[in-house]
Structure formats: C-alpha cells, structure tokens
Amino acid sequence: MSTQPSTEREYRQGPSLGTVIWGAVVVSLAALIVAGRLGWFAVDPGMVAVVLLLVGGLGLVVGGVVAAARGRRGPAGAGTPEERAEP
C-alpha cells in the first residue's frame, strides 16, 4: 500500500448536468401541455417550447462555463503535473 497521494482524476458519480436540464425541460413541457388540455389555463405550446428551450439552453451554457472554470483550477492542492510527479 502506497502512502503517496493518488494522481488519478476523481470522477463524479450521478447524472450529468445536461441530462438533468433536458429532463426538466421535457417534464415541464409535458406538464404544461397536460394542464392546458385539462382546461386549467390556456397554453400556447409554441411559446412554451421556445421559453423552455431558451431556459434550458441558458442552463447548459452556464453549467458548462462553471464546469470549465472548475476544471481549470483542478482539485484543491493538486499543483501542476510536474509537482505531482514522483522524484
């Protein structure tokens, strides 16, 4: 067993941000269409689709920017690849 810290990148588990956002877009669209069909309120399906796609797209862009910024810094205390290399 080695006492050296592992240099392997740790991968997060669970669904990706894109999967969660697209799932939310599909569920929201379906819920609004069903509510409109039940007569709870009037829904313009075209406008609902445009708004949901706009919000979903913005969520994906913001999530990508946050992930890219987090990826550049790397894990805390990791240092440069040269600093992590064994002597």
C-alpha atoms as a PDB file:
ATOM      1  CA  MET A   1       0.000   0.000   0.000  1.00  0.00           C
ATOM      2  CA  SER A   2       1.420   3.360  -1.029  1.00  0.00           C
ATOM      3  CA  THR A   3       1.391   6.453   1.149  1.00  0.00           C
ATOM      4  CA  GLN A   4       1.689   8.694  -1.932  1.00  0.00           C
ATOM      5  CA  PRO A   5      -1.470  10.598  -2.874  1.00  0.00           C
ATOM      6  CA  SER A   6      -3.184   9.307  -5.975  1.00  0.00           C
ATOM      7  CA  THR A   7      -2.705  11.389  -9.119  1.00  0.00           C
ATOM      8  CA  GLU A   8      -5.688   9.824 -10.864  1.00  0.00           C
ATOM      9  CA  ARG A   9      -8.521  12.193 -11.614  1.00  0.00           C
ATOM     10  CA  GLU A  10     -11.573  11.548  -9.494  1.00  0.00           C
ATOM     11  CA  TYR A  11     -14.808  11.239 -11.446  1.00  0.00           C
ATOM     12  CA  ARG A  12     -18.107  12.426 -10.120  1.00  0.00           C
ATOM     13  CA  GLN A  13     -20.938   9.965  -9.988  1.00  0.00           C
ATOM     14  CA  GLY A  14     -24.535  10.604 -10.895  1.00  0.00           C
ATOM     15  CA  PRO A  15     -26.278  12.181 -13.870  1.00  0.00           C
ATOM     16  CA  SER A  16     -24.628  14.913 -15.892  1.00  0.00           C
ATOM     17  CA  LEU A  17     -25.907  18.481 -15.859  1.00  0.00           C
ATOM     18  CA  GLY A  18     -27.171  18.124 -19.430  1.00  0.00           C
ATOM     19  CA  THR A  19     -29.252  15.075 -18.534  1.00  0.00           C
ATOM     20  CA  VAL A  20     -30.877  16.872 -15.611  1.00  0.00           C
ATOM     21  CA  ILE A  21     -31.644  20.015 -17.623  1.00  0.00           C
ATOM     22  CA  TRP A  22     -33.112  18.170 -20.619  1.00  0.00           C
ATOM     23  CA  GLY A  23     -35.163  16.011 -18.262  1.00  0.00           C
ATOM     24  CA  ALA A  24     -36.535  19.138 -16.589  1.00  0.00           C
ATOM     25  CA  VAL A  25     -37.366  20.683 -19.978  1.00  0.00           C
ATOM     26  CA  VAL A  26     -39.273  17.590 -21.145  1.00  0.00           C
ATOM     27  CA  VAL A  27     -41.180  17.158 -17.869  1.00  0.00           C
ATOM     28  CA  SER A  28     -42.084  20.870 -17.738  1.00  0.00           C
ATOM     29  CA  LEU A  29     -43.304  20.868 -21.325  1.00  0.00           C
ATOM     30  CA  ALA A  30     -45.422  17.768 -20.757  1.00  0.00           C
ATOM     31  CA  ALA A  31     -46.891  19.149 -17.513  1.00  0.00           C
ATOM     32  CA  LEU A  32     -47.858  22.450 -19.148  1.00  0.00           C
ATOM     33  CA  ILE A  33     -49.450  20.724 -22.134  1.00  0.00           C
ATOM     34  CA  VAL A  34     -51.445  18.383 -19.860  1.00  0.00           C
ATOM     35  CA  ALA A  35     -52.580  21.333 -17.708  1.00  0.00           C
ATOM     36  CA  GLY A  36     -53.678  23.156 -20.853  1.00  0.00           C
ATOM     37  CA  ARG A  37     -55.608  20.122 -22.113  1.00  0.00           C
ATOM     38  CA  LEU A  38     -57.362  19.766 -18.768  1.00  0.00           C
ATOM     39  CA  GLY A  39     -58.542  23.355 -19.098  1.00  0.00           C
ATOM     40  CA  TRP A  40     -56.733  24.695 -16.046  1.00  0.00           C
ATOM     41  CA  PHE A  41     -55.336  27.535 -18.157  1.00  0.00           C
ATOM     42  CA  ALA A  42     -54.684  28.403 -21.797  1.00  0.00           C
ATOM     43  CA  VAL A  43     -51.279  27.306 -23.070  1.00  0.00           C
ATOM     44  CA  ASP A  44     -49.634  28.268 -26.348  1.00  0.00           C
ATOM     45  CA  PRO A  45     -47.475  25.172 -26.979  1.00  0.00           C
ATOM     46  CA  GLY A  46     -45.151  27.016 -29.353  1.00  0.00           C
ATOM     47  CA  MET A  47     -44.388  29.775 -26.874  1.00  0.00           C
ATOM     48  CA  VAL A  48     -43.956  27.275 -24.028  1.00  0.00           C
ATOM     49  CA  ALA A  49     -41.485  25.265 -26.121  1.00  0.00           C
ATOM     50  CA  VAL A  50     -39.485  28.378 -27.038  1.00  0.00           C
ATOM     51  CA  VAL A  51     -39.276  29.589 -23.427  1.00  0.00           C
ATOM     52  CA  LEU A  52     -38.323  26.162 -22.073  1.00  0.00           C
ATOM     53  CA  LEU A  53     -35.656  25.668 -24.730  1.00  0.00           C
ATOM     54  CA  LEU A  54     -34.275  29.137 -24.020  1.00  0.00           C
ATOM     55  CA  VAL A  55     -34.100  28.494 -20.267  1.00  0.00           C
ATOM     56  CA  GLY A  56     -32.655  25.009 -20.806  1.00  0.00           C
ATOM     57  CA  GLY A  57     -30.034  26.332 -23.217  1.00  0.00           C
ATOM     58  CA  LEU A  58     -29.015  29.060 -20.798  1.00  0.00           C
ATOM     59  CA  GLY A  59     -28.722  26.456 -18.049  1.00  0.00           C
ATOM     60  CA  LEU A  60     -26.455  24.312 -20.218  1.00  0.00           C
ATOM     61  CA  VAL A  61     -24.242  27.280 -21.138  1.00  0.00           C
ATOM     62  CA  VAL A  62     -23.927  28.463 -17.527  1.00  0.00           C
ATOM     63  CA  GLY A  63     -23.255  24.906 -16.343  1.00  0.00           C
ATOM     64  CA  GLY A  64     -20.575  24.472 -18.999  1.00  0.00           C
ATOM     65  CA  VAL A  65     -18.868  27.715 -18.039  1.00  0.00           C
ATOM     66  CA  VAL A  66     -18.909  26.749 -14.355  1.00  0.00           C
ATOM     67  CA  ALA A  67     -17.550  23.267 -15.129  1.00  0.00           C
ATOM     68  CA  ALA A  68     -14.800  24.713 -17.345  1.00  0.00           C
ATOM     69  CA  ALA A  69     -13.780  27.206 -14.663  1.00  0.00           C
ATOM     70  CA  ARG A  70     -13.730  24.455 -12.043  1.00  0.00           C
ATOM     71  CA  GLY A  71     -11.745  22.155 -14.352  1.00  0.00           C
ATOM     72  CA  ARG A  72      -9.008  24.748 -14.934  1.00  0.00           C
ATOM     73  CA  ARG A  73      -8.303  25.062 -11.234  1.00  0.00           C
ATOM     74  CA  GLY A  74      -8.253  21.300 -10.733  1.00  0.00           C
ATOM     75  CA  PRO A  75      -8.636  19.606  -7.368  1.00  0.00           C
ATOM     76  CA  ALA A  76      -7.537  21.629  -4.362  1.00  0.00           C
ATOM     77  CA  GLY A  77      -3.855  21.198  -3.608  1.00  0.00           C
ATOM     78  CA  ALA A  78      -3.163  19.191  -6.742  1.00  0.00           C
ATOM     79  CA  GLY A  79      -0.490  21.508  -8.135  1.00  0.00           C
ATOM     80  CA  THR A  80       0.964  21.219 -11.618  1.00  0.00           C
ATOM     81  CA  PRO A  81       1.650  17.830 -13.250  1.00  0.00           C
ATOM     82  CA  GLU A  82       5.377  18.390 -12.644  1.00  0.00           C
ATOM     83  CA  GLU A  83       4.777  18.969  -8.943  1.00  0.00           C
ATOM     84  CA  ARG A  84       2.729  15.749  -8.718  1.00  0.00           C
ATOM     85  CA  ALA A  85       5.343  13.620 -10.488  1.00  0.00           C
ATOM     86  CA  GLU A  86       7.337  11.216  -8.349  1.00  0.00           C
ATOM     87  CA  PRO A  87      11.007  12.201  -7.790  1.00  0.00           C
END
